[in-house]
Amino acid sequence: MALKIAIIILFLLLVVSLFTSFTFLMKDKGGTRRTWYHLSFRLVVATLLMALLIYGVYTGQLGSNAPWDRHNFEPRPTQQ
């Protein structure tokens, strides 16, 4: 459960950073480096988010319940 909460928090940080960076881009018109700093922060957060997603799938804490993935987990009937 902690992994899912961490993923949600990182995703929300990513969205907030996106809008903050856009606001600085429109206000500063390229005059300061705030947009660059927020872009760097967003890159770090996105990397952490991807790492957590890969870790969750690898350890089995996250999975897929999509209908098209069910054939991978159900045994196929043998022909006799």
Protein backbone atom coordinates (compact mmCIF):
# COMPACT_ATOMS: atom_id res chain seq x y z
CA MET A 1 0.00 0.00 0.00
CA ALA A 2 2.89 2.35 0.73
CA LEU A 3 4.18 1.88 -2.81
CA LYS A 4 0.87 2.96 -4.30
CA ILE A 5 0.74 6.03 -2.06
CA ALA A 6 4.29 6.96 -3.07
CA ILE A 7 3.36 6.59 -6.75
CA ILE A 8 0.32 8.83 -6.32
CA ILE A 9 2.37 11.47 -4.47
CA LEU A 10 5.07 11.45 -7.17
CA PHE A 11 2.44 11.75 -9.90
CA LEU A 12 0.83 14.72 -8.16
CA LEU A 13 4.26 16.33 -7.74
CA LEU A 14 4.84 15.83 -11.45
CA VAL A 15 1.58 17.56 -12.37
CA VAL A 16 2.15 20.45 -9.95
CA SER A 17 5.68 20.92 -11.27
CA LEU A 18 4.36 20.96 -14.83
CA PHE A 19 1.93 23.78 -14.13
CA THR A 20 4.44 25.69 -11.99
CA SER A 21 7.03 25.50 -14.74
CA PHE A 22 4.47 26.68 -17.30
CA THR A 23 3.57 29.63 -15.07
CA PHE A 24 7.23 30.62 -14.72
CA LEU A 25 7.72 30.26 -18.47
CA MET A 26 4.85 32.64 -19.17
CA LYS A 27 5.81 35.18 -16.47
CA ASP A 28 9.57 35.31 -16.95
CA LYS A 29 9.69 35.07 -20.77
CA GLY A 30 13.03 33.27 -20.45
CA GLY A 31 14.61 35.92 -18.25
CA THR A 32 15.36 33.66 -15.28
CA ARG A 33 16.39 30.06 -14.77
CA ARG A 34 13.32 29.06 -12.74
CA THR A 35 11.81 27.20 -15.68
CA TRP A 36 15.04 25.23 -16.11
CA TYR A 37 15.12 24.30 -12.42
CA HIS A 38 11.53 23.08 -12.51
CA LEU A 39 12.23 21.10 -15.66
CA SER A 40 15.15 19.42 -13.88
CA PHE A 41 12.94 18.71 -10.86
CA ARG A 42 10.25 17.24 -13.12
CA LEU A 43 12.84 15.01 -14.78
CA VAL A 44 14.01 13.67 -11.41
CA VAL A 45 10.43 13.07 -10.25
CA ALA A 46 9.54 11.29 -13.51
CA THR A 47 12.62 9.08 -13.17
CA LEU A 48 11.70 8.19 -9.60
CA LEU A 49 8.13 7.47 -10.69
CA MET A 50 9.28 5.13 -13.45
CA ALA A 51 11.70 3.40 -11.05
CA LEU A 52 8.90 2.83 -8.53
CA LEU A 53 6.59 1.48 -11.23
CA ILE A 54 9.24 -0.93 -12.49
CA TYR A 55 10.05 -2.00 -8.92
CA GLY A 56 6.36 -2.59 -8.18
CA VAL A 57 5.81 -4.73 -11.26
CA TYR A 58 9.06 -6.65 -10.69
CA THR A 59 8.22 -7.48 -7.06
CA GLY A 60 4.59 -8.29 -7.84
CA GLN A 61 3.11 -5.48 -5.76
CA LEU A 62 1.64 -3.96 -8.92
CA GLY A 63 -0.06 -5.93 -11.63
CA SER A 64 -2.43 -5.74 -14.51
CA ASN A 65 -6.06 -6.80 -14.45
CA ALA A 66 -6.62 -5.99 -18.10
CA PRO A 67 -8.71 -8.54 -19.98
CA TRP A 68 -6.09 -8.95 -22.68
CA ASP A 69 -3.48 -10.01 -20.09
CA ARG A 70 -5.50 -12.89 -18.67
CA HIS A 71 -4.27 -15.37 -21.26
CA ASN A 72 -0.76 -14.99 -19.86
CA PHE A 73 -1.80 -16.27 -16.43
CA GLU A 74 -4.36 -18.97 -17.18
CA PRO A 75 -3.04 -22.37 -18.17
CA ARG A 76 -3.94 -23.47 -21.67
CA PRO A 77 -5.92 -26.67 -22.01
CA THR A 78 -3.93 -29.60 -23.31
CA GLN A 79 -5.11 -31.43 -26.41
CA GLN A 80 -5.67 -35.16 -26.03
